[in-house]
Amino acid sequence: MKALVYHGPGKKIWEEKPKPTIKEQTDAVVKILKTTICGTDLHIMKGDLPEVTDGRIIGHEGVGIIDEVGSAVSNFKKGDHVIISCITSCGKCEYCKKAMYSHCEKGGWILGYLIDGCQAEYVRIPYADNSLYPIPAGADEEALVMLSDILPTGFECGVLNGKVSPGDTIAIVGSGPIGMAALLTSQFYSPANIIMIDQDDNRLAVSKTFGATHTINSAKEDAVEKIMSLTNGKGVDTAIEAVGATATFELCEEIVAAGGHIANIGVHGKSVTLHMETLWSRNITITTRLVDASTTPMLFKTVQSGKLEPKKLITHHFKLDEIVKAYDTFGNAAKEKALKVILTS
């Protein structure tokens, strides 16, 4: 089969790899129908995640058809149409019993990270019964790809951790796909104001169509000053960091109100400064989280009902064997006006 293979920072090749096989009887092998590229994949390509070794197949999102199942798989069979979760869960360990599937002792986030992932013609899914979701006939595959990762990530790590509540003023720093997912799902809780901060005018304009009440281009105006003018000098109730950069996290520290929350979503490859000299007395809660995908079933129902429309995030389509071109497009989002790309086998 063909797959996108990581060969060190900045080096990726669409090349021939052995088709995966069943290793454990709890495995399934899935033929990929549609997949996408995540901002985390860009971090991998930059070398921000040194645990990813030379030769790894990248990717942790997609939908497909089951090609083969192990004898211990009871919920799925060959030919079933499935969503692949970015998180692998054994369902039995101490962390899984706490619904902290991201820290599963035998799984967690391993796809496209510690084991071969989804940017390939086929992928092996460990603990298939707990790590796949069935797709009903007639469902929109492209929309459901967004349930693999970005929707539960934006919702769990940003909205839920950030304790977004009715009437709040929230700021989302970064209007890429994850920031947009947080924007869409934050509206479940009716915040009064949603302020999107980015340096890309196109993405900011798109965020207005998705429900943002205010936008700030931090390359053109002082984001802290603008936030304070919008909030009568108090700051925001929740600041959601959706980039994974030093400057954006420190911006969240500057704009959060007393008693507020900083919810970090971004993947950080470098350290940030925690300004305790200004935070210590202000009752600030700072949260970090790796997505558990525990909310995927709820989000699935919301998408199926039409109340959540993640397909709006898709801007570009490619064939799977055009994935190197797709990376160039996704990696130059401002120039290409890209959010999520869909790759079809």
Protein backbone atom coordinates (compact mmCIF):
# COMPACT_ATOMS: atom_id res chain seq x y z
CA MET A 1 0.00 0.00 0.00
CA LYS A 2 0.96 3.67 -0.25
CA ALA A 3 1.33 5.94 2.80
CA LEU A 4 2.75 9.29 3.88
CA VAL A 5 5.92 8.54 5.82
CA TYR A 6 7.83 10.86 8.15
CA HIS A 7 11.62 10.79 7.72
CA GLY A 8 12.65 13.52 10.14
CA PRO A 9 11.87 17.23 10.44
CA GLY A 10 10.71 18.63 7.13
CA LYS A 11 10.98 15.28 5.37
CA LYS A 12 7.88 13.40 4.23
CA ILE A 13 7.44 10.94 1.36
CA TRP A 14 4.39 9.28 -0.20
CA GLU A 15 5.85 5.80 -0.54
CA GLU A 16 5.19 2.09 -0.54
CA LYS A 17 4.73 0.43 2.86
CA PRO A 18 3.53 -3.04 3.89
CA LYS A 19 -0.23 -3.30 4.34
CA PRO A 20 -0.98 -3.59 8.09
CA THR A 21 -2.16 -6.91 9.49
CA ILE A 22 -3.90 -8.05 12.66
CA LYS A 23 -1.34 -8.17 15.50
CA GLU A 24 -3.72 -8.65 18.42
CA GLN A 25 -7.16 -10.21 18.26
CA THR A 26 -8.65 -6.89 19.46
CA ASP A 27 -7.36 -5.15 16.29
CA ALA A 28 -9.15 -4.12 13.13
CA VAL A 29 -7.62 -3.14 9.80
CA VAL A 30 -9.50 -0.29 8.13
CA LYS A 31 -9.36 0.74 4.49
CA ILE A 32 -9.22 4.53 4.48
CA LEU A 33 -11.92 6.30 2.48
CA LYS A 34 -11.32 9.86 3.67
CA THR A 35 -8.71 11.42 5.92
CA THR A 36 -7.33 14.87 6.68
CA ILE A 37 -4.32 16.76 8.04
CA CYS A 38 -4.17 18.14 11.58
CA GLY A 39 -2.20 21.03 12.98
CA THR A 40 -0.51 18.46 15.20
CA ASP A 41 0.82 16.79 12.05
CA LEU A 42 2.48 20.09 11.17
CA HIS A 43 4.07 20.15 14.62
CA ILE A 44 5.38 16.62 13.97
CA MET A 45 6.80 17.70 10.62
CA LYS A 46 8.61 20.59 12.33
CA GLY A 47 10.23 18.18 14.78
CA ASP A 48 8.27 19.45 17.79
CA LEU A 49 7.40 15.87 18.83
CA PRO A 50 10.69 13.96 18.90
CA GLU A 51 8.91 10.76 19.98
CA VAL A 52 7.84 10.38 16.34
CA THR A 53 10.52 8.25 14.74
CA ASP A 54 11.86 7.99 11.20
CA GLY A 55 9.59 5.74 9.13
CA ARG A 56 6.34 6.52 10.95
CA ILE A 57 3.12 6.80 8.94
CA ILE A 58 1.45 10.05 10.03
CA GLY A 59 -2.21 10.88 10.68
CA HIS A 60 -4.89 10.18 13.28
CA GLU A 61 -8.19 11.12 11.62
CA GLY A 62 -10.43 9.45 9.09
CA VAL A 63 -13.37 7.32 8.05
CA GLY A 64 -13.21 3.99 6.30
CA ILE A 65 -14.44 0.47 5.72
CA ILE A 66 -13.30 -2.40 7.92
CA ASP A 67 -11.14 -4.77 5.90
CA GLU A 68 -10.36 -7.31 8.63
CA VAL A 69 -11.08 -7.84 12.33
CA GLY A 70 -9.46 -9.92 15.04
CA SER A 71 -11.40 -12.74 16.66
CA ALA A 72 -11.92 -10.73 19.89
CA VAL A 73 -13.67 -7.82 18.13
CA SER A 74 -17.38 -8.08 18.85
CA ASN A 75 -18.86 -4.71 17.84
CA PHE A 76 -17.65 -4.61 14.24
CA LYS A 77 -17.24 -6.89 11.24
CA LYS A 78 -15.63 -6.79 7.81
CA GLY A 79 -17.40 -4.26 5.59
CA ASP A 80 -18.62 -1.97 8.38
CA HIS A 81 -18.40 1.77 7.78
CA VAL A 82 -16.59 3.50 10.68
CA ILE A 83 -15.19 6.72 12.12
CA ILE A 84 -11.65 6.35 13.45
CA SER A 85 -11.08 8.05 16.79
CA CYS A 86 -7.77 9.83 17.25
CA ILE A 87 -7.64 8.20 20.70
CA THR A 88 -7.13 4.47 21.20
CA SER A 89 -8.81 3.03 24.30
CA CYS A 90 -8.47 -0.44 25.82
CA GLY A 91 -11.52 0.30 28.00
CA LYS A 92 -10.15 -1.69 30.94
CA CYS A 93 -7.18 0.11 32.49
CA GLU A 94 -7.26 2.53 35.42
CA TYR A 95 -7.33 5.62 33.20
CA CYS A 96 -10.01 4.28 30.87
CA LYS A 97 -12.21 3.58 33.88
CA LYS A 98 -11.85 7.29 34.76
CA ALA A 99 -12.83 8.18 31.15
CA MET A 100 -9.27 9.53 30.67
CA TYR A 101 -8.89 7.59 27.44
CA SER A 102 -6.06 9.86 26.29
CA HIS A 103 -3.91 8.24 28.99
CA CYS A 104 -4.96 4.65 28.34
CA GLU A 105 -2.10 2.47 29.54
CA LYS A 106 -2.13 0.54 26.26
CA GLY A 107 -3.34 3.27 23.93
CA GLY A 108 -4.14 6.96 24.22
CA TRP A 109 -2.92 9.14 21.39
CA ILE A 110 -0.74 6.67 19.54
CA LEU A 111 -2.07 6.77 15.95
CA GLY A 112 0.37 8.57 13.69
CA TYR A 113 2.53 9.24 16.73
CA LEU A 114 3.80 6.07 18.35
CA ILE A 115 2.25 3.64 15.85
CA ASP A 116 1.46 3.98 12.16
CA GLY A 117 -1.48 6.24 11.39
CA CYS A 118 -4.25 7.11 8.96
CA GLN A 119 -2.60 8.98 6.10
CA ALA A 120 -2.38 5.73 4.19
CA GLU A 121 -4.52 3.35 2.18
CA TYR A 122 -4.98 1.09 5.23
CA VAL A 123 -4.49 1.49 9.00
CA ARG A 124 -4.44 -0.94 11.92
CA ILE A 125 -6.67 0.14 14.81
CA PRO A 126 -5.89 -1.45 18.20
CA TYR A 127 -8.81 -2.07 20.59
CA ALA A 128 -11.24 -1.59 17.73
CA ASP A 129 -14.37 -2.07 19.86
CA ASN A 130 -13.53 1.06 21.88
CA SER A 131 -11.69 3.08 19.23
CA LEU A 132 -14.10 3.06 16.28
CA TYR A 133 -17.63 4.41 15.84
CA PRO A 134 -20.21 3.02 13.40
CA ILE A 135 -21.45 5.26 10.59
CA PRO A 136 -25.12 4.93 9.65
CA ALA A 137 -26.16 4.60 6.01
CA GLY A 138 -26.42 7.92 4.22
CA ALA A 139 -24.26 9.88 6.66
CA ASP A 140 -21.94 12.56 5.31
CA GLU A 141 -18.43 11.11 5.51
CA GLU A 142 -16.66 14.44 5.12
CA ALA A 143 -18.50 15.96 8.08
CA LEU A 144 -17.80 12.89 10.19
CA VAL A 145 -14.03 13.10 9.59
CA MET A 146 -14.22 16.18 11.82
CA LEU A 147 -15.37 13.90 14.66
CA SER A 148 -12.08 11.99 14.64
CA ASP A 149 -10.26 14.81 16.40
CA ILE A 150 -10.95 18.51 15.97
CA LEU A 151 -14.53 18.69 17.23
CA PRO A 152 -13.95 16.70 20.44
CA THR A 153 -10.58 18.43 20.93
CA GLY A 154 -11.98 21.95 20.59
CA PHE A 155 -14.95 21.05 22.78
CA GLU A 156 -13.23 19.06 25.54
CA CYS A 157 -9.91 20.89 25.83
CA GLY A 158 -11.26 24.35 25.13
CA VAL A 159 -14.95 24.72 25.91
CA LEU A 160 -15.38 22.20 28.73
CA ASN A 161 -12.03 22.86 30.39
CA GLY A 162 -12.63 26.60 29.98
CA LYS A 163 -15.99 26.33 31.81
CA VAL A 164 -17.76 28.42 29.16
CA SER A 165 -21.10 29.54 30.56
CA PRO A 166 -24.16 31.51 29.40
CA GLY A 167 -23.44 35.24 29.22
CA ASP A 168 -19.65 34.86 29.29
CA THR A 169 -17.20 36.77 27.19
CA ILE A 170 -14.63 34.38 25.74
CA ALA A 171 -11.58 34.84 23.55
CA ILE A 172 -10.20 32.14 21.27
CA VAL A 173 -6.59 32.81 20.34
CA GLY A 174 -6.05 31.15 16.98
CA SER A 175 -8.73 30.79 14.32
CA GLY A 176 -7.38 27.66 12.66
CA PRO A 177 -9.46 24.47 12.54
CA ILE A 178 -9.16 23.75 16.28
CA GLY A 179 -10.01 27.33 17.21
CA MET A 180 -12.98 27.17 14.84
CA ALA A 181 -14.10 23.90 16.45
CA ALA A 182 -13.99 25.62 19.83
CA LEU A 183 -15.95 28.53 18.35
CA LEU A 184 -18.68 26.23 16.99
CA THR A 185 -19.04 24.12 20.12
CA SER A 186 -18.80 27.02 22.58
CA GLN A 187 -22.16 28.15 21.26
CA PHE A 188 -23.79 25.15 23.00
CA TYR A 189 -23.44 27.31 26.17
CA SER A 190 -24.58 30.69 24.77
CA PRO A 191 -21.64 32.96 25.65
CA ALA A 192 -22.58 36.60 25.14
CA ASN A 193 -19.39 37.47 23.24
CA ILE A 194 -16.93 35.32 21.32
CA ILE A 195 -13.76 37.17 20.34
CA MET A 196 -11.51 35.51 17.76
CA ILE A 197 -7.85 36.55 17.64
CA ASP A 198 -5.54 35.69 14.73
CA GLN A 199 -3.20 37.26 12.18
CA ASP A 200 -5.11 35.93 9.16
CA ASP A 201 -7.86 38.24 7.92
CA ASN A 202 -9.52 35.48 5.89
CA ARG A 203 -9.84 33.15 8.86
CA LEU A 204 -11.15 35.98 11.00
CA ALA A 205 -13.76 36.79 8.35
CA VAL A 206 -14.80 33.12 8.23
CA SER A 207 -15.07 33.04 12.02
CA LYS A 208 -17.66 35.84 11.84
CA THR A 209 -19.83 33.61 9.64
CA PHE A 210 -19.47 30.83 12.23
CA GLY A 211 -20.71 32.97 15.11
CA ALA A 212 -17.83 35.15 16.36
CA THR A 213 -19.09 38.48 17.68
CA HIS A 214 -15.75 40.30 17.41
CA THR A 215 -12.45 39.68 15.63
CA ILE A 216 -8.96 41.03 16.30
CA ASN A 217 -6.01 40.83 13.92
CA SER A 218 -3.14 40.82 16.41
CA ALA A 219 -0.65 41.70 13.67
CA LYS A 220 -2.45 44.97 12.99
CA GLU A 221 -3.71 46.08 16.40
CA ASP A 222 -2.86 45.64 20.06
CA ALA A 223 -4.91 42.61 21.07
CA VAL A 224 -4.67 43.28 24.81
CA GLU A 225 -5.72 46.90 24.43
CA LYS A 226 -8.66 45.92 22.19
CA ILE A 227 -9.81 43.17 24.57
CA MET A 228 -9.73 45.56 27.51
CA SER A 229 -11.73 48.17 25.58
CA LEU A 230 -14.35 45.52 24.75
CA THR A 231 -14.61 44.33 28.36
CA ASN A 232 -14.49 47.61 30.29
CA GLY A 233 -10.96 46.80 31.41
CA LYS A 234 -11.85 43.47 33.03
CA GLY A 235 -10.65 40.91 30.48
CA VAL A 236 -12.38 37.74 29.32
CA ASP A 237 -14.01 35.02 31.38
CA THR A 238 -12.33 32.31 29.33
CA ALA A 239 -9.23 32.54 27.13
CA ILE A 240 -8.75 29.50 24.88
CA GLU A 241 -5.24 28.98 23.48
CA ALA A 242 -5.55 27.19 20.11
CA VAL A 243 -2.14 27.70 18.52
CA GLY A 244 0.61 26.17 20.62
CA ALA A 245 3.03 29.08 20.62
CA THR A 246 4.78 31.01 23.38
CA ALA A 247 3.30 34.37 22.38
CA THR A 248 -0.28 33.12 22.14
CA PHE A 249 -0.24 31.46 25.57
CA GLU A 250 1.24 34.57 27.16
CA LEU A 251 -1.45 36.64 25.42
CA CYS A 252 -4.05 34.50 27.18
CA GLU A 253 -2.38 35.34 30.51
CA GLU A 254 -2.72 39.04 29.76
CA ILE A 255 -6.37 39.06 28.71
CA VAL A 256 -8.01 36.74 31.25
CA ALA A 257 -10.21 38.37 33.88
CA ALA A 258 -10.01 37.78 37.61
CA GLY A 259 -11.69 34.47 38.38
CA GLY A 260 -11.32 33.43 34.75
CA HIS A 261 -10.02 30.35 32.95
CA ILE A 262 -7.15 29.79 30.55
CA ALA A 263 -7.82 26.60 28.59
CA ASN A 264 -4.83 25.40 26.61
CA ILE A 265 -5.50 23.33 23.49
CA GLY A 266 -2.37 24.04 21.45
CA VAL A 267 0.51 21.58 21.06
CA HIS A 268 3.56 23.32 22.51
CA GLY A 269 7.03 22.49 21.25
CA LYS A 270 8.70 25.22 23.33
CA SER A 271 8.37 26.45 26.89
CA VAL A 272 6.24 29.43 27.88
CA THR A 273 6.61 31.88 30.73
CA LEU A 274 4.05 31.54 33.49
CA HIS A 275 3.62 35.08 34.82
CA MET A 276 2.85 34.22 38.42
CA GLU A 277 3.78 37.75 39.47
CA THR A 278 0.52 38.93 37.86
CA LEU A 279 -1.58 35.76 38.15
CA TRP A 280 -1.04 34.59 41.72
CA SER A 281 -3.72 36.75 43.32
CA ARG A 282 -6.34 36.71 40.58
CA ASN A 283 -8.09 33.35 41.09
CA ILE A 284 -7.10 32.17 37.61
CA THR A 285 -7.54 28.53 36.59
CA ILE A 286 -5.14 27.19 33.95
CA THR A 287 -6.00 23.86 32.34
CA THR A 288 -4.21 21.54 29.95
CA ARG A 289 -5.63 18.44 28.36
CA LEU A 290 -5.12 15.85 25.67
CA VAL A 291 -8.45 15.06 24.07
CA ASP A 292 -10.16 11.94 25.47
CA ALA A 293 -12.82 11.80 22.73
CA SER A 294 -15.32 10.95 25.46
CA THR A 295 -17.78 13.43 23.93
CA THR A 296 -17.67 11.95 20.42
CA PRO A 297 -21.02 10.10 20.73
CA MET A 298 -22.78 13.30 21.83
CA LEU A 299 -21.13 15.35 19.10
CA PHE A 300 -22.05 12.66 16.56
CA LYS A 301 -25.73 13.04 17.46
CA THR A 302 -25.47 16.81 17.24
CA VAL A 303 -23.91 16.59 13.77
CA GLN A 304 -26.52 14.07 12.61
CA SER A 305 -29.32 16.36 13.82
CA GLY A 306 -27.94 19.26 11.79
CA LYS A 307 -27.40 21.45 14.86
CA LEU A 308 -23.63 21.34 14.35
CA GLU A 309 -22.22 21.70 10.84
CA PRO A 310 -18.51 20.79 10.86
CA LYS A 311 -18.47 20.43 7.08
CA LYS A 312 -18.26 24.22 6.97
CA LEU A 313 -14.65 23.85 8.11
CA ILE A 314 -13.62 22.05 4.89
CA THR A 315 -12.03 24.32 2.29
CA HIS A 316 -9.98 22.02 0.04
CA HIS A 317 -10.26 18.54 -1.48
CA PHE A 318 -7.46 16.28 -2.74
CA LYS A 319 -6.97 12.70 -3.79
CA LEU A 320 -5.08 10.68 -1.17
CA ASP A 321 -2.07 10.35 -3.44
CA GLU A 322 -1.91 14.17 -3.64
CA ILE A 323 -1.17 14.38 0.07
CA VAL A 324 2.22 16.11 -0.29
CA LYS A 325 0.46 18.88 -2.24
CA ALA A 326 -2.26 18.93 0.43
CA TYR A 327 0.40 19.47 3.13
CA ASP A 328 1.79 22.40 1.16
CA THR A 329 -1.70 23.91 0.98
CA PHE A 330 -2.51 23.30 4.65
CA GLY A 331 0.91 24.52 5.76
CA ASN A 332 0.40 27.79 3.87
CA ALA A 333 -3.08 28.41 5.20
CA ALA A 334 -3.07 32.19 4.95
CA LYS A 335 -1.99 32.21 1.32
CA GLU A 336 -4.27 29.31 0.32
CA LYS A 337 -7.21 30.34 2.56
CA ALA A 338 -7.21 26.82 3.99
CA LEU A 339 -8.95 25.38 7.03
CA LYS A 340 -9.49 21.63 6.83
CA VAL A 341 -8.52 19.61 3.78
CA ILE A 342 -10.17 16.32 2.82
CA LEU A 343 -8.16 13.54 1.19
CA THR A 344 -10.17 10.87 -0.61
CA SER A 345 -8.79 7.46 -1.56
